[in-house]
């Protein structure tokens, strides 16, 4: 395992564990989004195919919902997280553009 910069992590086991937890968190939030949107057959397919969601495989109600799935992260659902990310990136691009214009003046 290497980092994007080409260096090896100091604690590869810990880095791997953190990466696995991150993937699990992403999968949980996506599953929550699918459930909020009432995409129940997609939820079931996602649970069946994702190695990060195995604990949900046997737990769903008659209507297809999965009790206990993560609908939000720190009180924000996936749509809110993505909208905030888009806003943050747009502000960053705007700030960079403003800084570049200041250099040329």
C-alpha atoms as a PDB file:
ATOM      1  CA  UNK A   1       0.000   0.000   0.000  1.00  0.00           C
ATOM      2  CA  UNK A   2       1.276   3.478  -0.776  1.00  0.00           C
ATOM      3  CA  UNK A   3      -0.099   6.945  -0.338  1.00  0.00           C
ATOM      4  CA  UNK A   4      -0.934   9.119  -3.350  1.00  0.00           C
ATOM      5  CA  UNK A   5       2.347  10.939  -2.868  1.00  0.00           C
ATOM      6  CA  UNK A   6       4.227   7.664  -3.358  1.00  0.00           C
ATOM      7  CA  UNK A   7       5.236   7.287   0.298  1.00  0.00           C
ATOM      8  CA  UNK A   8       4.398   4.211   2.295  1.00  0.00           C
ATOM      9  CA  UNK A   9       2.101   4.797   5.294  1.00  0.00           C
ATOM     10  CA  UNK A  10       3.840   4.640   8.668  1.00  0.00           C
ATOM     11  CA  UNK A  11       1.193   2.259  10.044  1.00  0.00           C
ATOM     12  CA  UNK A  12      -0.213   0.304   7.088  1.00  0.00           C
ATOM     13  CA  UNK A  13      -2.574  -1.749   9.269  1.00  0.00           C
ATOM     14  CA  UNK A  14      -4.093   1.383  10.780  1.00  0.00           C
ATOM     15  CA  UNK A  15      -4.308   3.082   7.386  1.00  0.00           C
ATOM     16  CA  UNK A  16      -6.075   0.015   5.963  1.00  0.00           C
ATOM     17  CA  UNK A  17      -8.512  -0.075   8.905  1.00  0.00           C
ATOM     18  CA  UNK A  18      -9.294   3.629   8.480  1.00  0.00           C
ATOM     19  CA  UNK A  19      -9.872   3.128   4.749  1.00  0.00           C
ATOM     20  CA  UNK A  20     -12.225   0.213   5.421  1.00  0.00           C
ATOM     21  CA  UNK A  21     -14.184   2.305   7.952  1.00  0.00           C
ATOM     22  CA  UNK A  22     -14.428   5.127   5.415  1.00  0.00           C
ATOM     23  CA  UNK A  23     -15.762   2.777   2.721  1.00  0.00           C
ATOM     24  CA  UNK A  24     -18.286   1.405   5.224  1.00  0.00           C
ATOM     25  CA  UNK A  25     -19.408   4.917   6.131  1.00  0.00           C
ATOM     26  CA  UNK A  26     -19.813   5.865   2.460  1.00  0.00           C
ATOM     27  CA  UNK A  27     -21.829   2.716   1.799  1.00  0.00           C
ATOM     28  CA  UNK A  28     -24.072   3.388   4.806  1.00  0.00           C
ATOM     29  CA  UNK A  29     -24.801   6.967   3.728  1.00  0.00           C
ATOM     30  CA  UNK A  30     -25.531   5.898   0.143  1.00  0.00           C
ATOM     31  CA  UNK A  31     -27.843   3.170   1.439  1.00  0.00           C
ATOM     32  CA  UNK A  32     -29.615   5.776   3.574  1.00  0.00           C
ATOM     33  CA  UNK A  33     -30.058   7.975   0.497  1.00  0.00           C
ATOM     34  CA  UNK A  34     -31.491   5.097  -1.541  1.00  0.00           C
ATOM     35  CA  UNK A  35     -33.905   4.298   1.250  1.00  0.00           C
ATOM     36  CA  UNK A  36     -34.965   7.946   1.658  1.00  0.00           C
ATOM     37  CA  UNK A  37     -35.699   8.079  -2.066  1.00  0.00           C
ATOM     38  CA  UNK A  38     -37.786   4.887  -1.715  1.00  0.00           C
ATOM     39  CA  UNK A  39     -35.549   2.998  -4.159  1.00  0.00           C
ATOM     40  CA  UNK A  40     -36.149  -0.209  -2.263  1.00  0.00           C
ATOM     41  CA  UNK A  41     -35.170  -2.744  -4.925  1.00  0.00           C
ATOM     42  CA  UNK A  42     -31.971  -0.747  -5.494  1.00  0.00           C
ATOM     43  CA  UNK A  43     -31.366  -0.809  -1.713  1.00  0.00           C
ATOM     44  CA  UNK A  44     -31.687  -4.571  -1.680  1.00  0.00           C
ATOM     45  CA  UNK A  45     -29.350  -4.948  -4.671  1.00  0.00           C
ATOM     46  CA  UNK A  46     -26.814  -2.580  -3.108  1.00  0.00           C
ATOM     47  CA  UNK A  47     -26.883  -4.521   0.176  1.00  0.00           C
ATOM     48  CA  UNK A  48     -26.484  -7.814  -1.667  1.00  0.00           C
ATOM     49  CA  UNK A  49     -23.543  -6.572  -3.773  1.00  0.00           C
ATOM     50  CA  UNK A  50     -21.622  -4.355  -1.341  1.00  0.00           C
ATOM     51  CA  UNK A  51     -19.022  -6.044   0.853  1.00  0.00           C
ATOM     52  CA  UNK A  52     -19.474  -3.147   3.305  1.00  0.00           C
ATOM     53  CA  UNK A  53     -23.153  -3.800   3.993  1.00  0.00           C
ATOM     54  CA  UNK A  54     -23.236  -7.496   4.825  1.00  0.00           C
ATOM     55  CA  UNK A  55     -24.796  -6.903   8.262  1.00  0.00           C
ATOM     56  CA  UNK A  56     -27.937  -5.555   6.570  1.00  0.00           C
ATOM     57  CA  UNK A  57     -28.380  -8.573   4.249  1.00  0.00           C
ATOM     58  CA  UNK A  58     -30.742 -10.431   6.568  1.00  0.00           C
ATOM     59  CA  UNK A  59     -32.503  -7.397   8.008  1.00  0.00           C
ATOM     60  CA  UNK A  60     -35.295  -5.826   6.032  1.00  0.00           C
ATOM     61  CA  UNK A  61     -38.988  -5.355   6.650  1.00  0.00           C
ATOM     62  CA  UNK A  62     -41.833  -6.654   4.514  1.00  0.00           C
ATOM     63  CA  UNK A  63     -41.987  -3.363   2.603  1.00  0.00           C
ATOM     64  CA  UNK A  64     -38.264  -3.620   1.780  1.00  0.00           C
ATOM     65  CA  UNK A  65     -36.920  -0.944   4.127  1.00  0.00           C
ATOM     66  CA  UNK A  66     -33.799  -1.703   6.117  1.00  0.00           C
ATOM     67  CA  UNK A  67     -34.139  -0.740   9.775  1.00  0.00           C
ATOM     68  CA  UNK A  68     -31.140   0.858  11.385  1.00  0.00           C
ATOM     69  CA  UNK A  69     -29.436   2.050   8.209  1.00  0.00           C
ATOM     70  CA  UNK A  70     -27.611   5.353   8.452  1.00  0.00           C
ATOM     71  CA  UNK A  71     -29.811   8.087   6.983  1.00  0.00           C
ATOM     72  CA  UNK A  72     -27.437  10.919   7.826  1.00  0.00           C
ATOM     73  CA  UNK A  73     -23.887  11.697   8.838  1.00  0.00           C
ATOM     74  CA  UNK A  74     -23.529  14.325  11.559  1.00  0.00           C
ATOM     75  CA  UNK A  75     -27.155  15.242  10.903  1.00  0.00           C
ATOM     76  CA  UNK A  76     -26.670  15.698   7.143  1.00  0.00           C
ATOM     77  CA  UNK A  77     -28.019  13.382   4.473  1.00  0.00           C
ATOM     78  CA  UNK A  78     -26.133  12.592   1.269  1.00  0.00           C
ATOM     79  CA  UNK A  79     -27.901  15.291  -0.757  1.00  0.00           C
ATOM     80  CA  UNK A  80     -26.962  17.970   1.798  1.00  0.00           C
ATOM     81  CA  UNK A  81     -23.362  16.745   1.964  1.00  0.00           C
ATOM     82  CA  UNK A  82     -23.007  16.873  -1.827  1.00  0.00           C
ATOM     83  CA  UNK A  83     -24.669  20.295  -2.094  1.00  0.00           C
ATOM     84  CA  UNK A  84     -22.315  21.695   0.549  1.00  0.00           C
ATOM     85  CA  UNK A  85     -19.342  20.170  -1.272  1.00  0.00           C
ATOM     86  CA  UNK A  86     -20.427  21.761  -4.562  1.00  0.00           C
ATOM     87  CA  UNK A  87     -20.817  25.136  -2.843  1.00  0.00           C
ATOM     88  CA  UNK A  88     -17.401  24.797  -1.188  1.00  0.00           C
ATOM     89  CA  UNK A  89     -15.719  23.889  -4.492  1.00  0.00           C
ATOM     90  CA  UNK A  90     -17.457  26.755  -6.306  1.00  0.00           C
ATOM     91  CA  UNK A  91     -16.257  29.216  -3.652  1.00  0.00           C
ATOM     92  CA  UNK A  92     -12.736  27.801  -3.925  1.00  0.00           C
ATOM     93  CA  UNK A  93     -12.744  28.252  -7.696  1.00  0.00           C
ATOM     94  CA  UNK A  94     -14.151  31.756  -7.327  1.00  0.00           C
ATOM     95  CA  UNK A  95     -11.472  32.654  -4.764  1.00  0.00           C
ATOM     96  CA  UNK A  96      -8.740  31.213  -6.991  1.00  0.00           C
ATOM     97  CA  UNK A  97     -10.076  33.148  -9.989  1.00  0.00           C
ATOM     98  CA  UNK A  98     -10.168  36.361  -7.931  1.00  0.00           C
ATOM     99  CA  UNK A  99      -6.596  35.772  -6.729  1.00  0.00           C
ATOM    100  CA  UNK A 100      -5.380  35.181 -10.299  1.00  0.00           C
ATOM    101  CA  UNK A 101      -7.080  38.376 -11.468  1.00  0.00           C
ATOM    102  CA  UNK A 102      -5.333  40.253  -8.641  1.00  0.00           C
ATOM    103  CA  UNK A 103      -1.951  39.007  -9.869  1.00  0.00           C
ATOM    104  CA  UNK A 104      -2.575  40.274 -13.393  1.00  0.00           C
ATOM    105  CA  UNK A 105      -3.644  43.739 -12.310  1.00  0.00           C
END
